[in-house]
Amino acid sequence: MVSNFRKHDEIISGFEIYNDTFKNILGSNAKLIKHASGFEWTEGPAYFQNGDYLIFSDIPNNRMIKWSDADGVSLFRESADFSNGNFVDSKGRLITCQHGTRNITRTEIDGTITNITDNYKGKKLNSPNDLVENSKGDIFFTDPPYGILSDHEGYKSESELGKNYVFRFRTDKNVLEILSDEFDKPNGLCFSPDEKYLYVADSGDPGDIKCLELNDDYQVISSRIFAVIRPGVPDGLRVDINGNIFTSAWDGIQVLNPSGDLIGKILVPEDRTANCCWGGRSKNRLYITADKSIYSIILNTIGI
């Protein structure tokens, strides 16, 4: 076990084990594998079961990349409107957060791109960052200002909303609603397996993950701090079937049990780790986007 603090010149790989349950998650042959490198900032991994491939964003280079075991790296979309978070919906379509156009889009099966939402009551969104779909097909997404702070990951602009919200888009009613306004810079998000809780990372000043308790209509009943992530801040996160949270941090992927206790780390040899998603035919492969590279690791658990 090493210190929870890591300087930039002390980048290491391996695992840190804080609880025996993490040993069970790792299994006996867990190995972090680098698949591709040379990107500027990788984000938004999304796995397609139909085709067994990964799509992810290379935000500053304004492109989206496709990767698979069979074919390696290829260009999925150039001039990608500074895409960030991606998600594959229940119908196998790609849902994307776009900084450049400040909207959420859907790539249809035939390849056409549909705008889902780009404003709240007539005011432009900031720069949608990450998103997730619930079992009803509604889209929940975060809207921090990263894409409008400069021209590096979007286009510099003033916020029309004046705040950074977590939104819910009701697909049956075609209505955008504010779910929460309590975050500094809301970022990654994921549901608990039973969808009674929504976990939201705040990559702003708090550097924490909050747990939002939801009612049957997915409205917030209460919220609490679930965990504070160090070193750095949390970004993207996912959950497994047992309710364990896998969140990115500066040193890699930190794994928290449903009580918010840190049980282990998958250390990633990059300056920053951005996001992760589940994939593989057995749904036990965790794909990781980290700084300039993408990785994966096969674990002894199944993702949602």
Protein backbone atom coordinates (compact mmCIF):
# COMPACT_ATOMS: atom_id res chain seq x y z
CA MET A 1 0.00 0.00 0.00
CA VAL A 2 1.30 3.46 -0.88
CA SER A 3 0.39 6.96 0.18
CA ASN A 4 -2.91 8.47 -0.96
CA PHE A 5 -0.93 11.50 -2.21
CA ARG A 6 0.94 11.25 -5.48
CA LYS A 7 3.19 13.85 -7.08
CA HIS A 8 3.21 14.14 -10.85
CA ASP A 9 6.69 12.62 -11.04
CA GLU A 10 5.60 9.56 -9.07
CA ILE A 11 3.26 8.00 -11.61
CA ILE A 12 2.90 4.31 -10.92
CA SER A 13 0.65 1.42 -11.87
CA GLY A 14 -0.68 -1.54 -9.94
CA PHE A 15 -3.30 -1.84 -7.22
CA GLU A 16 -3.92 -0.57 -3.73
CA ILE A 17 -6.05 -2.84 -1.56
CA TYR A 18 -7.84 -1.41 1.47
CA ASN A 19 -10.46 -4.13 1.95
CA ASP A 20 -10.63 -7.82 1.11
CA THR A 21 -13.76 -7.24 -0.97
CA PHE A 22 -11.54 -5.47 -3.50
CA LYS A 23 -9.45 -8.63 -3.80
CA ASN A 24 -12.62 -10.43 -4.88
CA ILE A 25 -13.31 -7.71 -7.45
CA LEU A 26 -9.79 -8.01 -8.86
CA GLY A 27 -9.88 -11.79 -9.02
CA SER A 28 -6.67 -13.75 -9.51
CA ASN A 29 -5.44 -12.45 -12.87
CA ALA A 30 -6.43 -8.79 -13.10
CA LYS A 31 -4.10 -6.83 -15.38
CA LEU A 32 -4.34 -3.27 -16.64
CA ILE A 33 -3.67 -3.16 -20.39
CA LYS A 34 -2.90 -0.08 -22.48
CA HIS A 35 -4.55 -0.26 -25.90
CA ALA A 36 -3.75 3.05 -27.57
CA SER A 37 -2.02 6.35 -26.85
CA GLY A 38 -1.10 9.66 -28.48
CA PHE A 39 -4.34 11.53 -27.78
CA GLU A 40 -4.61 14.90 -26.08
CA TRP A 41 -7.36 14.27 -23.53
CA THR A 42 -9.50 11.14 -23.71
CA GLU A 43 -13.03 11.17 -22.35
CA GLY A 44 -16.52 9.76 -22.71
CA PRO A 45 -15.99 6.01 -23.28
CA ALA A 46 -19.08 4.16 -24.54
CA TYR A 47 -19.15 0.47 -25.39
CA PHE A 48 -21.27 -1.05 -28.17
CA GLN A 49 -22.26 -4.64 -27.46
CA ASN A 50 -23.37 -4.98 -31.09
CA GLY A 51 -19.97 -4.91 -32.73
CA ASP A 52 -17.82 -5.23 -29.60
CA TYR A 53 -16.14 -1.84 -29.90
CA LEU A 54 -15.52 1.32 -27.92
CA ILE A 55 -16.19 4.95 -28.86
CA PHE A 56 -14.47 7.75 -26.96
CA SER A 57 -13.81 11.47 -27.29
CA ASP A 58 -10.46 13.19 -27.82
CA ILE A 59 -11.84 16.57 -26.78
CA PRO A 60 -9.13 19.18 -27.61
CA ASN A 61 -8.53 17.51 -30.99
CA ASN A 62 -12.27 17.78 -31.71
CA ARG A 63 -12.70 14.19 -32.78
CA MET A 64 -14.19 10.89 -31.71
CA ILE A 65 -12.23 7.64 -31.87
CA LYS A 66 -13.32 4.04 -32.38
CA TRP A 67 -11.32 1.19 -30.88
CA SER A 68 -11.75 -2.59 -30.90
CA ASP A 69 -9.63 -5.65 -30.21
CA ALA A 70 -10.11 -6.73 -33.82
CA ASP A 71 -9.36 -3.48 -35.64
CA GLY A 72 -7.46 -1.27 -33.22
CA VAL A 73 -7.82 2.51 -33.55
CA SER A 74 -9.80 4.28 -36.27
CA LEU A 75 -11.43 7.69 -36.67
CA PHE A 76 -15.14 7.61 -35.82
CA ARG A 77 -16.00 11.28 -36.28
CA GLU A 78 -13.92 14.30 -37.23
CA SER A 79 -15.07 17.83 -36.35
CA ALA A 80 -17.06 16.28 -33.52
CA ASP A 81 -18.26 19.57 -32.00
CA PHE A 82 -15.88 18.99 -29.08
CA SER A 83 -17.79 15.96 -27.86
CA ASN A 84 -17.26 14.90 -24.26
CA GLY A 85 -19.46 12.31 -22.53
CA ASN A 86 -21.06 9.47 -24.51
CA PHE A 87 -23.60 6.80 -23.65
CA VAL A 88 -25.23 3.94 -25.53
CA ASP A 89 -28.98 4.04 -24.96
CA SER A 90 -31.34 1.09 -24.57
CA LYS A 91 -31.88 0.98 -28.35
CA GLY A 92 -28.18 0.84 -29.15
CA ARG A 93 -27.89 4.48 -30.24
CA LEU A 94 -25.05 6.81 -29.30
CA ILE A 95 -26.02 9.75 -27.07
CA THR A 96 -23.37 12.48 -26.90
CA CYS A 97 -22.63 15.63 -24.89
CA GLN A 98 -21.24 18.29 -27.25
CA HIS A 99 -19.35 21.30 -25.95
CA GLY A 100 -19.10 23.08 -29.30
CA THR A 101 -22.83 23.17 -29.99
CA ARG A 102 -23.74 23.12 -26.29
CA ASN A 103 -26.27 20.34 -26.69
CA ILE A 104 -27.11 16.67 -26.36
CA THR A 105 -27.30 14.71 -29.61
CA ARG A 106 -28.33 11.21 -30.66
CA THR A 107 -26.62 9.35 -33.49
CA GLU A 108 -29.32 7.29 -35.15
CA ILE A 109 -28.70 3.77 -36.41
CA ASP A 110 -28.43 5.13 -39.98
CA GLY A 111 -25.75 7.62 -38.86
CA THR A 112 -27.82 10.80 -38.91
CA ILE A 113 -27.45 13.09 -35.92
CA THR A 114 -30.49 14.37 -34.03
CA ASN A 115 -30.47 17.28 -31.59
CA ILE A 116 -32.16 16.20 -28.34
CA THR A 117 -31.88 19.39 -26.29
CA ASP A 118 -29.79 22.56 -26.42
CA ASN A 119 -31.48 25.07 -24.12
CA TYR A 120 -33.37 25.50 -20.89
CA LYS A 121 -36.31 27.89 -21.21
CA GLY A 122 -34.66 29.61 -24.15
CA LYS A 123 -31.21 29.97 -22.58
CA LYS A 124 -28.31 28.01 -24.05
CA LEU A 125 -26.85 25.19 -22.04
CA ASN A 126 -23.29 25.72 -20.77
CA SER A 127 -21.44 22.69 -22.13
CA PRO A 128 -23.04 19.29 -21.42
CA ASN A 129 -20.40 17.05 -19.91
CA ASP A 130 -21.60 13.55 -19.06
CA LEU A 131 -24.86 11.65 -19.19
CA VAL A 132 -26.71 8.48 -18.27
CA GLU A 133 -30.07 6.94 -19.15
CA ASN A 134 -32.54 5.49 -16.66
CA SER A 135 -34.72 2.45 -17.27
CA LYS A 136 -37.56 4.67 -18.53
CA GLY A 137 -35.36 6.11 -21.25
CA ASP A 138 -34.96 9.56 -19.68
CA ILE A 139 -31.56 11.24 -20.03
CA PHE A 140 -29.80 12.71 -17.00
CA PHE A 141 -26.82 14.95 -17.71
CA THR A 142 -24.46 17.46 -16.10
CA ASP A 143 -23.79 20.94 -17.48
CA PRO A 144 -20.61 22.56 -16.08
CA PRO A 145 -18.82 25.41 -17.92
CA TYR A 146 -15.68 23.63 -19.11
CA GLY A 147 -16.52 24.01 -22.80
CA ILE A 148 -17.11 27.77 -22.57
CA LEU A 149 -14.19 28.74 -20.32
CA SER A 150 -11.77 28.84 -23.28
CA ASP A 151 -11.38 27.70 -26.87
CA HIS A 152 -9.46 24.60 -25.81
CA GLU A 153 -12.47 22.29 -25.34
CA GLY A 154 -15.16 24.34 -27.07
CA TYR A 155 -15.77 28.01 -27.72
CA LYS A 156 -15.24 30.66 -25.08
CA SER A 157 -18.50 32.28 -24.12
CA GLU A 158 -20.50 33.65 -21.22
CA SER A 159 -22.96 31.37 -19.46
CA GLU A 160 -26.56 32.21 -20.23
CA LEU A 161 -27.83 30.07 -17.34
CA GLY A 162 -25.57 31.58 -14.68
CA LYS A 163 -25.40 28.25 -12.81
CA ASN A 164 -24.20 24.70 -13.38
CA TYR A 165 -27.09 22.25 -13.17
CA VAL A 166 -27.80 18.56 -13.25
CA PHE A 167 -30.62 18.15 -15.77
CA ARG A 168 -33.21 15.52 -16.57
CA PHE A 169 -34.63 15.26 -20.08
CA ARG A 170 -38.00 13.50 -20.07
CA THR A 171 -38.06 11.75 -23.41
CA ASP A 172 -41.79 10.94 -23.29
CA LYS A 173 -42.70 14.61 -22.82
CA ASN A 174 -39.73 16.18 -24.66
CA VAL A 175 -39.18 18.38 -21.61
CA LEU A 176 -35.94 19.47 -19.92
CA GLU A 177 -36.03 19.88 -16.14
CA ILE A 178 -33.51 20.92 -13.50
CA LEU A 179 -32.86 17.96 -11.24
CA SER A 180 -30.34 19.66 -8.92
CA ASP A 181 -28.59 23.03 -8.56
CA GLU A 182 -26.38 22.21 -5.56
CA PHE A 183 -23.12 21.48 -7.41
CA ASP A 184 -20.15 23.69 -8.21
CA LYS A 185 -19.08 21.83 -11.38
CA PRO A 186 -21.21 18.69 -11.77
CA ASN A 187 -19.45 16.08 -13.85
CA GLY A 188 -19.78 12.28 -14.03
CA LEU A 189 -22.93 10.52 -12.88
CA CYS A 190 -24.41 7.05 -12.53
CA PHE A 191 -27.38 5.29 -10.96
CA SER A 192 -27.36 2.71 -8.23
CA PRO A 193 -28.45 -0.73 -9.51
CA ASP A 194 -32.04 -0.17 -8.27
CA GLU A 195 -32.07 3.46 -9.53
CA LYS A 196 -33.06 4.72 -6.08
CA TYR A 197 -29.88 6.82 -5.96
CA LEU A 198 -28.04 8.98 -8.45
CA TYR A 199 -24.34 9.54 -7.77
CA VAL A 200 -22.91 12.80 -9.13
CA ALA A 201 -19.25 13.80 -9.14
CA ASP A 202 -18.38 17.43 -8.43
CA SER A 203 -15.06 18.24 -10.08
CA GLY A 204 -15.17 21.80 -8.75
CA ASP A 205 -14.12 23.04 -5.33
CA PRO A 206 -15.72 20.24 -3.26
CA GLY A 207 -14.02 17.43 -5.17
CA ASP A 208 -16.63 15.03 -3.87
CA ILE A 209 -19.35 12.63 -4.98
CA LYS A 210 -22.86 13.32 -3.78
CA CYS A 211 -25.59 10.73 -3.48
CA LEU A 212 -29.03 11.99 -4.50
CA GLU A 213 -31.92 9.93 -3.15
CA LEU A 214 -34.75 9.73 -5.68
CA ASN A 215 -38.47 9.01 -5.43
CA ASP A 216 -40.42 6.83 -7.87
CA ASP A 217 -40.63 9.75 -10.31
CA TYR A 218 -36.85 10.29 -10.14
CA GLN A 219 -37.14 13.56 -8.25
CA VAL A 220 -34.60 14.34 -5.52
CA ILE A 221 -35.77 13.54 -1.99
CA SER A 222 -32.47 14.26 -0.26
CA SER A 223 -28.74 14.50 -0.91
CA ARG A 224 -25.59 13.77 1.03
CA ILE A 225 -21.85 13.63 0.51
CA PHE A 226 -21.04 10.08 -0.48
CA ALA A 227 -17.25 10.38 -0.66
CA VAL A 228 -14.47 12.94 -1.01
CA ILE A 229 -11.98 11.96 -3.70
CA ARG A 230 -8.26 12.67 -3.39
CA PRO A 231 -5.78 13.11 -5.00
CA GLY A 232 -7.42 15.50 -7.43
CA VAL A 233 -11.17 15.35 -7.98
CA PRO A 234 -13.69 12.79 -9.23
CA ASP A 235 -14.71 12.87 -12.89
CA GLY A 236 -16.46 9.97 -14.62
CA LEU A 237 -17.93 7.07 -12.66
CA ARG A 238 -19.77 3.78 -13.09
CA VAL A 239 -21.35 1.14 -10.85
CA ASP A 240 -21.28 -2.66 -10.75
CA ILE A 241 -24.13 -5.05 -9.94
CA ASN A 242 -23.22 -5.00 -6.24
CA GLY A 243 -23.47 -1.22 -6.00
CA ASN A 244 -19.72 -0.54 -5.87
CA ILE A 245 -18.73 2.78 -7.41
CA PHE A 246 -15.77 2.97 -9.80
CA THR A 247 -14.68 6.62 -10.06
CA SER A 248 -11.81 8.30 -11.84
CA ALA A 249 -9.28 10.37 -9.87
CA TRP A 250 -5.82 11.72 -10.55
CA ASP A 251 -4.16 8.44 -9.61
CA GLY A 252 -6.50 6.08 -11.44
CA ILE A 253 -9.82 4.40 -10.71
CA GLN A 254 -10.85 4.42 -7.07
CA VAL A 255 -13.39 1.82 -5.97
CA LEU A 256 -15.91 2.60 -3.23
CA ASN A 257 -18.39 0.22 -1.61
CA PRO A 258 -22.09 1.21 -1.33
CA SER A 259 -21.35 2.86 2.03
CA GLY A 260 -18.81 5.19 0.41
CA ASP A 261 -15.75 3.50 1.88
CA LEU A 262 -12.62 3.31 -0.29
CA ILE A 263 -11.87 -0.38 -0.77
CA GLY A 264 -9.19 -0.21 -3.44
CA LYS A 265 -7.56 1.53 -6.37
CA ILE A 266 -6.63 0.60 -9.90
CA LEU A 267 -3.57 2.78 -10.40
CA VAL A 268 -3.21 4.16 -13.93
CA PRO A 269 0.21 5.43 -15.14
CA GLU A 270 -1.02 8.78 -16.50
CA ASP A 271 -1.19 12.33 -15.13
CA ARG A 272 -4.99 12.21 -14.88
CA THR A 273 -7.71 9.61 -15.25
CA ALA A 274 -10.89 10.97 -16.81
CA ASN A 275 -13.61 8.35 -17.11
CA CYS A 276 -14.57 4.72 -17.39
CA CYS A 277 -17.32 2.44 -18.68
CA TRP A 278 -18.24 -1.22 -18.62
CA GLY A 279 -18.00 -3.37 -21.71
CA GLY A 280 -16.95 -6.71 -23.12
CA ARG A 281 -19.19 -9.60 -24.05
CA SER A 282 -19.50 -10.58 -20.39
CA LYS A 283 -19.82 -6.95 -19.14
CA ASN A 284 -16.83 -7.48 -16.85
CA ARG A 285 -14.32 -5.36 -18.75
CA LEU A 286 -13.73 -1.86 -17.41
CA TYR A 287 -12.56 0.54 -20.11
CA ILE A 288 -10.63 3.57 -18.85
CA THR A 289 -9.90 6.87 -20.58
CA ALA A 290 -6.85 8.46 -18.99
CA ASP A 291 -5.11 11.59 -20.19
CA LYS A 292 -3.47 10.58 -23.49
CA SER A 293 -4.33 6.87 -23.53
CA ILE A 294 -7.05 4.25 -23.19
CA TYR A 295 -6.87 1.13 -21.07
CA SER A 296 -8.99 -1.80 -19.98
CA ILE A 297 -9.01 -4.36 -17.22
CA ILE A 298 -11.08 -7.51 -16.85
CA LEU A 299 -12.53 -7.81 -13.35
CA ASN A 300 -14.36 -10.37 -11.29
CA THR A 301 -17.60 -8.38 -11.28
CA ILE A 302 -20.22 -7.26 -13.78
CA GLY A 303 -21.00 -3.69 -14.65
CA ILE A 304 -24.35 -2.00 -15.19
